[in-house]
Amino acid sequence: ALGLRHVGYGIPTDLFGPFVTACVQVIRQITDNGAAEEAFRWSMSLISRILMRAINEGSTIVMKAINQNSGKQLKKAVGCAPRGKRSLWMLNVQVGTQSISPLMWAIETGALDAAKGIIVDLLTMRADRDRYYYGMDILFERHPDIIKRLCTDAPALMTPLLDGLIWRSRITDNGQRRVNYYIRHLLQDMHGGFAKNTEWITDSGDPKVVCHPIVSMVTDLVWGRVAFRTFLVGKAWFLFTLAVFICSQCVLNNLDDGPAVDAAAAAGSSSAAHRLLASASTAVKVVTATTATAVTTKYFSRPFGNRLSIFLCRCFIYLFSMGQWVVF
């Protein structure tokens, strides 16, 4: 792994010999033990040979183009690759049992021009007489969290990636063009579960990415086919308890109310209101006592079935609607 990182750093192998010699001279000044000096020299020589081997085997033309951060050099480097192995050249450099991804290395080191060239090349369709070549599957297999990495480290590369998941035909028919959206890896992960790509895109908070056509299609598809029904089922209990509450507070309470007062009573109440304003302090006390007595009399004058219905509805609201807050 250390040797592969030196491949990404672009370290020339000619510098390992002077580096080992300098380290040995420093140790020689610290200690007079010849055995320790020789052991240190042997260890550094072994490490340098391993690193040189890893650099020589891993220094591909793709990694050299990434070190230069040149999209043109990258395109020229992968131009000589067989179509069946073109994607592997840009996604995997392996030395022994260790491997490194040129795409991830370009993103981590800030070589965004080279990273953009890799993404565009991977998501470009090619064909020969036998088959089509499209690097979408191998890209998401190698990096299942590519959306998350781009949203975090390279938001500018999200648009080229999403554009590459859309294929537009060059032929028009009656002013219309056929368009294919490749949304499998945006909806489903490698284990068959629901992918977190939509969540990562939402957390990024980039309106340009959220309004991209393929993201809009994915979100509309999820809402219309899956989330809408789940949302309605989840809110059905709330709507039912709300209906019970409205029934108990508004419908049943006013079910047995008598007709409104007539015009003569309204005129009498108007004159009484003038007298009430003249003696405000006395009227407040009288009205308070009268209102309490009137409400109590009105409630107990209702039929038993009406009072029982109101009582049961309120018990239902208190236990099954408000009671859940005690648990949760």
Protein backbone atom coordinates (compact mmCIF):
# COMPACT_ATOMS: atom_id res chain seq x y z
CA ALA A 1 0.00 0.00 0.00
CA LEU A 2 2.86 2.40 0.77
CA GLY A 3 4.45 1.68 -2.60
CA LEU A 4 1.17 2.38 -4.40
CA ARG A 5 0.86 5.71 -2.63
CA HIS A 6 4.34 6.57 -3.87
CA VAL A 7 3.07 5.73 -7.35
CA GLY A 8 0.41 8.38 -6.85
CA TYR A 9 2.98 10.82 -5.52
CA GLY A 10 5.04 10.34 -8.68
CA ILE A 11 8.31 9.65 -6.81
CA PRO A 12 11.27 8.90 -9.17
CA THR A 13 13.00 5.62 -8.34
CA ASP A 14 16.41 7.27 -8.76
CA LEU A 15 15.97 9.07 -5.44
CA PHE A 16 15.75 5.93 -3.29
CA GLY A 17 19.50 5.22 -3.35
CA PRO A 18 20.57 8.68 -2.11
CA PHE A 19 17.74 8.63 0.46
CA VAL A 20 18.96 5.32 1.96
CA THR A 21 22.57 6.58 2.02
CA ALA A 22 21.54 9.77 3.82
CA CYS A 23 19.55 7.83 6.43
CA VAL A 24 22.49 5.51 7.09
CA GLN A 25 24.87 8.45 7.55
CA VAL A 26 22.50 9.98 10.10
CA ILE A 27 22.41 6.70 12.06
CA ARG A 28 26.23 6.50 11.89
CA GLN A 29 26.45 9.85 13.67
CA ILE A 30 24.07 8.72 16.41
CA THR A 31 25.61 5.31 17.30
CA ASP A 32 28.99 3.57 17.10
CA ASN A 33 27.47 0.08 17.03
CA GLY A 34 28.46 -1.41 13.69
CA ALA A 35 25.90 -4.23 13.92
CA ALA A 36 23.04 -1.78 14.45
CA GLU A 37 24.23 0.33 11.52
CA GLU A 38 24.44 -2.69 9.26
CA ALA A 39 21.01 -3.91 10.33
CA PHE A 40 19.53 -0.49 9.61
CA ARG A 41 21.25 -0.39 6.21
CA TRP A 42 19.87 -3.82 5.32
CA SER A 43 16.34 -2.90 6.41
CA MET A 44 16.31 0.37 4.45
CA SER A 45 17.72 -1.33 1.38
CA LEU A 46 15.00 -3.99 1.51
CA ILE A 47 12.25 -1.38 1.92
CA SER A 48 13.64 0.71 -0.93
CA ARG A 49 13.75 -2.30 -3.26
CA ILE A 50 10.12 -3.16 -2.42
CA LEU A 51 9.02 0.42 -3.04
CA MET A 52 10.96 0.62 -6.29
CA ARG A 53 9.32 -2.60 -7.48
CA ALA A 54 5.87 -1.30 -6.60
CA ILE A 55 6.53 2.00 -8.35
CA ASN A 56 7.89 0.34 -11.48
CA GLU A 57 4.90 -2.00 -11.74
CA GLY A 58 2.30 0.55 -10.76
CA SER A 59 3.53 3.58 -12.68
CA THR A 60 1.12 3.26 -15.55
CA ILE A 61 0.58 5.92 -18.15
CA VAL A 62 -2.78 6.65 -16.54
CA MET A 63 -1.16 7.42 -13.17
CA LYS A 64 1.41 9.63 -14.89
CA ALA A 65 -1.38 11.58 -16.57
CA ILE A 66 -3.14 11.98 -13.19
CA ASN A 67 0.07 13.31 -11.62
CA GLN A 68 0.15 15.92 -14.37
CA ASN A 69 -3.60 16.61 -13.91
CA SER A 70 -4.05 16.61 -17.65
CA GLY A 71 -7.25 15.44 -19.28
CA LYS A 72 -5.59 15.39 -22.70
CA GLN A 73 -2.77 13.13 -21.52
CA LEU A 74 -5.29 10.86 -19.83
CA LYS A 75 -7.34 10.54 -23.01
CA LYS A 76 -4.17 9.77 -24.94
CA ALA A 77 -3.09 7.22 -22.31
CA VAL A 78 -6.31 5.19 -22.37
CA GLY A 79 -6.59 5.50 -26.14
CA CYS A 80 -4.23 2.55 -26.61
CA ALA A 81 -6.12 0.32 -24.17
CA PRO A 82 -8.31 -2.55 -25.43
CA ARG A 83 -11.99 -1.71 -25.17
CA GLY A 84 -12.62 -4.60 -22.82
CA LYS A 85 -9.91 -3.42 -20.40
CA ARG A 86 -10.27 0.31 -20.83
CA SER A 87 -12.32 0.69 -17.64
CA LEU A 88 -9.86 -1.37 -15.56
CA TRP A 89 -7.01 0.86 -16.60
CA MET A 90 -8.79 3.84 -15.02
CA LEU A 91 -10.19 2.09 -11.94
CA ASN A 92 -7.59 -0.39 -10.79
CA VAL A 93 -3.80 -0.48 -10.52
CA GLN A 94 -2.67 -3.63 -8.73
CA VAL A 95 0.76 -4.64 -7.46
CA GLY A 96 0.82 -8.01 -5.74
CA THR A 97 -2.17 -8.19 -3.41
CA GLN A 98 -2.60 -4.42 -3.07
CA SER A 99 -4.49 -2.15 -5.44
CA ILE A 100 -5.22 1.53 -5.88
CA SER A 101 -7.91 3.31 -7.85
CA PRO A 102 -6.63 6.01 -10.20
CA LEU A 103 -10.04 7.71 -10.07
CA MET A 104 -10.09 7.92 -6.27
CA TRP A 105 -6.49 9.03 -6.21
CA ALA A 106 -7.25 11.84 -8.66
CA ILE A 107 -10.16 13.00 -6.48
CA GLU A 108 -8.15 12.84 -3.25
CA THR A 109 -5.20 14.76 -4.68
CA GLY A 110 -7.36 17.41 -6.32
CA ALA A 111 -6.55 16.42 -9.90
CA LEU A 112 -10.10 17.24 -10.96
CA ASP A 113 -9.29 17.69 -14.64
CA ALA A 114 -7.95 14.14 -14.83
CA ALA A 115 -10.82 12.83 -12.68
CA LYS A 116 -13.36 14.45 -14.99
CA GLY A 117 -11.66 12.86 -17.97
CA ILE A 118 -11.88 9.44 -16.30
CA ILE A 119 -15.60 9.83 -15.50
CA VAL A 120 -16.46 11.04 -19.00
CA ASP A 121 -14.47 8.22 -20.60
CA LEU A 122 -16.03 5.56 -18.37
CA LEU A 123 -19.57 6.71 -19.12
CA THR A 124 -19.07 6.93 -22.87
CA MET A 125 -20.66 4.11 -24.87
CA ARG A 126 -18.45 2.20 -27.29
CA ALA A 127 -19.10 -0.86 -29.41
CA ASP A 128 -17.50 -3.40 -31.67
CA ARG A 129 -18.93 -6.30 -33.64
CA ASP A 130 -19.53 -8.40 -30.53
CA ARG A 131 -20.86 -6.14 -27.81
CA TYR A 132 -21.31 -2.69 -26.32
CA TYR A 133 -18.95 -1.25 -23.71
CA TYR A 134 -20.26 1.02 -20.98
CA GLY A 135 -18.37 1.54 -17.71
CA MET A 136 -21.34 2.31 -15.45
CA ASP A 137 -21.54 -1.13 -13.83
CA ILE A 138 -17.84 -1.48 -13.15
CA LEU A 139 -17.67 2.08 -11.82
CA PHE A 140 -20.34 1.47 -9.18
CA GLU A 141 -19.00 -2.00 -8.40
CA ARG A 142 -15.52 -0.61 -7.76
CA HIS A 143 -16.78 2.47 -5.89
CA PRO A 144 -20.30 2.00 -4.45
CA ASP A 145 -19.93 5.31 -2.59
CA ILE A 146 -18.83 7.33 -5.61
CA ILE A 147 -21.81 9.70 -5.20
CA LYS A 148 -20.91 10.38 -1.57
CA ARG A 149 -17.24 10.94 -2.37
CA LEU A 150 -18.04 13.36 -5.15
CA CYS A 151 -20.58 15.29 -3.07
CA THR A 152 -18.00 15.65 -0.30
CA ASP A 153 -14.66 16.11 -2.10
CA ALA A 154 -15.49 17.15 -5.68
CA PRO A 155 -19.00 18.60 -6.15
CA ALA A 156 -18.00 19.96 -9.56
CA LEU A 157 -17.78 16.40 -10.89
CA MET A 158 -21.38 15.50 -9.99
CA THR A 159 -22.79 17.03 -13.16
CA PRO A 160 -20.47 15.09 -15.54
CA LEU A 161 -21.29 11.89 -13.65
CA LEU A 162 -25.05 12.39 -13.85
CA ASP A 163 -24.84 13.48 -17.48
CA GLY A 164 -23.03 10.24 -18.24
CA LEU A 165 -25.98 8.23 -16.89
CA ILE A 166 -28.22 9.64 -19.63
CA TRP A 167 -28.01 8.47 -23.24
CA ARG A 168 -29.54 10.62 -25.96
CA SER A 169 -30.05 9.36 -29.45
CA ARG A 170 -28.54 11.37 -32.28
CA ILE A 171 -31.55 10.57 -34.49
CA THR A 172 -34.79 12.56 -34.15
CA ASP A 173 -38.24 11.31 -35.05
CA ASN A 174 -40.99 13.92 -35.52
CA GLY A 175 -39.01 16.42 -33.51
CA GLN A 176 -38.47 13.98 -30.62
CA ARG A 177 -35.31 12.26 -29.50
CA ARG A 178 -35.08 8.96 -27.65
CA VAL A 179 -33.46 9.23 -24.21
CA ASN A 180 -32.40 6.39 -21.89
CA TYR A 181 -31.95 6.95 -18.15
CA TYR A 182 -29.69 4.46 -16.37
CA ILE A 183 -30.94 4.66 -12.79
CA ARG A 184 -30.31 1.15 -11.48
CA HIS A 185 -27.32 2.05 -9.32
CA LEU A 186 -29.03 5.20 -8.07
CA LEU A 187 -31.90 3.13 -6.67
CA GLN A 188 -30.33 -0.21 -5.73
CA ASP A 189 -27.07 -1.06 -3.98
CA MET A 190 -24.89 -4.12 -4.52
CA HIS A 191 -26.85 -6.18 -1.96
CA GLY A 192 -30.26 -5.52 -3.49
CA GLY A 193 -31.30 -2.93 -0.91
CA PHE A 194 -32.31 0.67 -1.39
CA ALA A 195 -29.26 2.77 -2.21
CA LYS A 196 -28.36 5.87 -0.22
CA ASN A 197 -27.45 7.93 -3.28
CA THR A 198 -30.60 10.05 -3.07
CA GLU A 199 -29.90 10.72 0.61
CA TRP A 200 -26.32 11.77 -0.13
CA ILE A 201 -27.44 14.09 -2.93
CA THR A 202 -30.05 15.65 -0.63
CA ASP A 203 -27.52 16.15 2.16
CA SER A 204 -25.16 17.93 -0.23
CA GLY A 205 -27.67 20.76 -0.61
CA ASP A 206 -26.63 21.62 -4.17
CA PRO A 207 -29.72 22.87 -6.05
CA LYS A 208 -28.07 22.36 -9.42
CA VAL A 209 -27.51 18.67 -8.71
CA VAL A 210 -30.94 18.17 -7.14
CA CYS A 211 -32.64 19.66 -10.23
CA HIS A 212 -30.70 17.44 -12.63
CA PRO A 213 -33.07 15.50 -14.93
CA ILE A 214 -31.98 12.04 -13.79
CA VAL A 215 -32.23 13.00 -10.10
CA SER A 216 -35.70 14.45 -10.69
CA MET A 217 -36.76 11.27 -12.44
CA VAL A 218 -35.44 9.05 -9.64
CA THR A 219 -37.13 11.05 -6.89
CA ASP A 220 -40.44 11.23 -8.79
CA LEU A 221 -40.29 7.50 -9.44
CA VAL A 222 -39.61 6.67 -5.80
CA TRP A 223 -42.36 9.01 -4.59
CA GLY A 224 -44.98 7.83 -7.08
CA ARG A 225 -44.30 4.10 -6.89
CA VAL A 226 -43.19 3.55 -3.28
CA ALA A 227 -43.09 6.51 -0.91
CA PHE A 228 -46.55 7.97 -1.64
CA ARG A 229 -48.43 4.86 -0.51
CA THR A 230 -46.20 4.45 2.53
CA PHE A 231 -46.78 8.10 3.41
CA LEU A 232 -50.55 7.71 3.17
CA VAL A 233 -50.53 4.57 5.30
CA GLY A 234 -48.38 6.31 7.88
CA LYS A 235 -50.72 9.32 8.03
CA ALA A 236 -53.98 7.32 7.97
CA TRP A 237 -53.98 6.91 11.77
CA PHE A 238 -53.39 10.62 12.25
CA LEU A 239 -56.25 11.51 9.93
CA PHE A 240 -58.56 9.08 11.73
CA THR A 241 -57.75 10.51 15.17
CA LEU A 242 -58.21 14.03 13.77
CA ALA A 243 -61.67 13.08 12.49
CA VAL A 244 -62.60 11.67 15.92
CA PHE A 245 -61.40 14.85 17.60
CA ILE A 246 -63.42 17.09 15.27
CA CYS A 247 -66.47 14.90 15.75
CA SER A 248 -66.26 15.09 19.55
CA GLN A 249 -65.50 18.81 19.79
CA CYS A 250 -67.59 20.30 17.00
CA VAL A 251 -70.26 17.88 15.86
CA LEU A 252 -71.47 16.17 19.02
CA ASN A 253 -71.20 19.31 21.15
CA ASN A 254 -73.59 21.21 18.87
CA LEU A 255 -75.82 18.31 17.89
CA ASP A 256 -78.75 19.20 20.27
CA ASP A 257 -78.49 22.99 20.29
CA GLY A 258 -81.83 24.80 19.93
CA PRO A 259 -82.69 27.39 17.25
CA ALA A 260 -81.21 30.85 17.36
CA VAL A 261 -82.95 33.64 19.27
CA ASP A 262 -85.57 35.66 17.43
CA ALA A 263 -85.45 39.35 16.58
CA ALA A 264 -87.31 40.49 19.71
CA ALA A 265 -84.90 38.67 21.92
CA ALA A 266 -82.03 40.20 19.99
CA ALA A 267 -83.48 43.70 20.53
CA GLY A 268 -83.92 42.99 24.23
CA SER A 269 -80.39 41.77 24.48
CA SER A 270 -79.20 44.95 22.76
CA SER A 271 -80.86 47.18 25.36
CA ALA A 272 -79.60 44.93 28.08
CA ALA A 273 -76.11 45.34 26.69
CA HIS A 274 -76.36 49.12 27.17
CA ARG A 275 -77.40 48.62 30.75
CA LEU A 276 -74.62 46.10 31.18
CA LEU A 277 -72.03 48.63 30.07
CA ALA A 278 -73.32 51.08 32.65
CA SER A 279 -72.70 48.65 35.50
CA ALA A 280 -69.69 46.69 34.28
CA SER A 281 -68.26 45.59 37.61
CA THR A 282 -71.53 44.11 38.87
CA ALA A 283 -72.33 42.49 35.53
CA VAL A 284 -69.01 40.59 35.37
CA LYS A 285 -69.74 38.80 38.62
CA VAL A 286 -73.31 37.99 37.60
CA VAL A 287 -72.32 36.79 34.11
CA THR A 288 -69.54 34.56 35.49
CA ALA A 289 -71.84 32.79 37.90
CA THR A 290 -74.64 32.59 35.36
CA THR A 291 -72.37 31.21 32.63
CA ALA A 292 -71.01 28.42 34.82
CA THR A 293 -74.55 27.45 35.83
CA ALA A 294 -75.78 27.63 32.21
CA VAL A 295 -72.98 25.46 30.86
CA THR A 296 -73.49 22.84 33.53
CA THR A 297 -77.23 22.83 32.97
CA LYS A 298 -76.79 22.67 29.19
CA TYR A 299 -74.40 19.70 29.41
CA PHE A 300 -76.52 17.62 31.77
CA SER A 301 -79.70 18.44 29.86
CA ARG A 302 -78.35 16.55 26.81
CA PRO A 303 -79.38 12.96 26.13
CA PHE A 304 -77.31 10.23 27.77
CA GLY A 305 -76.25 8.82 24.42
CA ASN A 306 -74.81 12.18 23.32
CA ARG A 307 -72.81 12.59 26.53
CA LEU A 308 -71.58 9.01 26.34
CA SER A 309 -70.42 9.51 22.74
CA ILE A 310 -68.48 12.65 23.66
CA PHE A 311 -66.91 10.87 26.63
CA LEU A 312 -65.81 7.87 24.54
CA CYS A 313 -64.36 10.07 21.77
CA ARG A 314 -62.33 12.09 24.25
CA CYS A 315 -61.08 8.95 25.99
CA PHE A 316 -60.02 7.61 22.60
CA ILE A 317 -58.09 10.82 21.82
CA TYR A 318 -56.39 10.91 25.24
CA LEU A 319 -55.37 7.23 25.24
CA PHE A 320 -54.56 6.36 21.64
CA SER A 321 -53.47 9.72 20.19
CA MET A 322 -51.94 11.72 23.02
CA GLY A 323 -50.89 8.60 24.91
CA GLN A 324 -48.26 7.71 22.32
CA TRP A 325 -46.21 10.71 23.40
CA VAL A 326 -45.79 9.09 26.82
CA VAL A 327 -44.17 6.05 25.16
CA PHE A 328 -42.15 7.80 22.47
